[in-house]
């Protein structure tokens, strides 16, 4: 089973979509990633189970 899944994220600042790798081995995660286009920080709350993403909440 692949635990790292690529998903597309939409930046709440500039609206651009970019791919992001999510490690699904942890069920609840809080991440901060920089947008690959405008470089502003994005807060992510991720709920997943091994091998699948259940929900991603994105805030600026």
C-alpha atoms as a PDB file:
ATOM      1  CA  UNK A   1       0.000   0.000   0.000  1.00  0.00           C
ATOM      2  CA  UNK A   2       1.329   3.430  -0.952  1.00  0.00           C
ATOM      3  CA  UNK A   3       1.235   5.754   2.078  1.00  0.00           C
ATOM      4  CA  UNK A   4       2.369   8.915   0.274  1.00  0.00           C
ATOM      5  CA  UNK A   5      -0.389  10.365  -1.934  1.00  0.00           C
ATOM      6  CA  UNK A   6      -0.190  13.343  -4.274  1.00  0.00           C
ATOM      7  CA  UNK A   7      -3.153  15.703  -4.247  1.00  0.00           C
ATOM      8  CA  UNK A   8      -3.801  19.113  -5.783  1.00  0.00           C
ATOM      9  CA  UNK A   9      -4.029  22.109  -3.433  1.00  0.00           C
ATOM     10  CA  UNK A  10      -5.524  25.498  -4.343  1.00  0.00           C
ATOM     11  CA  UNK A  11      -3.710  28.446  -2.772  1.00  0.00           C
ATOM     12  CA  UNK A  12      -6.166  30.652  -0.821  1.00  0.00           C
ATOM     13  CA  UNK A  13      -3.971  33.698  -1.561  1.00  0.00           C
ATOM     14  CA  UNK A  14      -3.351  33.596  -5.332  1.00  0.00           C
ATOM     15  CA  UNK A  15      -5.793  30.886  -6.467  1.00  0.00           C
ATOM     16  CA  UNK A  16      -3.151  28.768  -8.216  1.00  0.00           C
ATOM     17  CA  UNK A  17      -3.362  24.971  -8.031  1.00  0.00           C
ATOM     18  CA  UNK A  18      -0.226  22.938  -7.253  1.00  0.00           C
ATOM     19  CA  UNK A  19       0.508  19.316  -6.300  1.00  0.00           C
ATOM     20  CA  UNK A  20       1.376  18.329  -2.741  1.00  0.00           C
ATOM     21  CA  UNK A  21       2.543  14.984  -1.325  1.00  0.00           C
ATOM     22  CA  UNK A  22       0.622  13.895   1.793  1.00  0.00           C
ATOM     23  CA  UNK A  23       1.930  11.151   4.086  1.00  0.00           C
ATOM     24  CA  UNK A  24      -1.185   9.187   5.068  1.00  0.00           C
ATOM     25  CA  UNK A  25       0.512   7.148   7.806  1.00  0.00           C
ATOM     26  CA  UNK A  26      -0.742   9.671  10.427  1.00  0.00           C
ATOM     27  CA  UNK A  27      -4.510  10.054  10.797  1.00  0.00           C
ATOM     28  CA  UNK A  28      -4.678  13.746  11.818  1.00  0.00           C
ATOM     29  CA  UNK A  29      -2.067  16.272  10.705  1.00  0.00           C
ATOM     30  CA  UNK A  30      -1.521  20.020  10.771  1.00  0.00           C
ATOM     31  CA  UNK A  31       0.898  21.295   8.127  1.00  0.00           C
ATOM     32  CA  UNK A  32       2.174  24.623   6.884  1.00  0.00           C
ATOM     33  CA  UNK A  33       3.260  24.626   3.241  1.00  0.00           C
ATOM     34  CA  UNK A  34       4.389  27.528   1.090  1.00  0.00           C
ATOM     35  CA  UNK A  35       2.548  28.103  -2.184  1.00  0.00           C
ATOM     36  CA  UNK A  36       4.822  27.143  -5.073  1.00  0.00           C
ATOM     37  CA  UNK A  37       3.627  30.215  -7.021  1.00  0.00           C
ATOM     38  CA  UNK A  38       3.261  33.173  -4.590  1.00  0.00           C
ATOM     39  CA  UNK A  39       5.371  31.650  -1.756  1.00  0.00           C
ATOM     40  CA  UNK A  40       2.861  32.644   0.962  1.00  0.00           C
ATOM     41  CA  UNK A  41       2.244  30.139   3.792  1.00  0.00           C
ATOM     42  CA  UNK A  42      -0.823  27.890   3.700  1.00  0.00           C
ATOM     43  CA  UNK A  43      -2.160  26.107   6.803  1.00  0.00           C
ATOM     44  CA  UNK A  44      -3.504  22.625   6.148  1.00  0.00           C
ATOM     45  CA  UNK A  45      -5.468  20.337   8.459  1.00  0.00           C
ATOM     46  CA  UNK A  46      -5.486  16.839   7.020  1.00  0.00           C
ATOM     47  CA  UNK A  47      -7.562  13.823   8.068  1.00  0.00           C
ATOM     48  CA  UNK A  48      -6.609  10.538   6.460  1.00  0.00           C
ATOM     49  CA  UNK A  49      -6.315   6.811   6.882  1.00  0.00           C
ATOM     50  CA  UNK A  50      -3.443   4.729   5.534  1.00  0.00           C
ATOM     51  CA  UNK A  51      -3.517   5.032   1.753  1.00  0.00           C
ATOM     52  CA  UNK A  52      -6.338   7.611   1.438  1.00  0.00           C
ATOM     53  CA  UNK A  53      -7.123  11.215   2.269  1.00  0.00           C
ATOM     54  CA  UNK A  54     -10.479  11.802   3.983  1.00  0.00           C
ATOM     55  CA  UNK A  55     -10.515  15.604   4.268  1.00  0.00           C
ATOM     56  CA  UNK A  56      -8.236  18.620   3.784  1.00  0.00           C
ATOM     57  CA  UNK A  57      -9.064  22.036   5.282  1.00  0.00           C
ATOM     58  CA  UNK A  58      -7.048  24.908   3.799  1.00  0.00           C
ATOM     59  CA  UNK A  59      -6.609  28.357   5.377  1.00  0.00           C
ATOM     60  CA  UNK A  60      -4.313  31.265   4.553  1.00  0.00           C
END
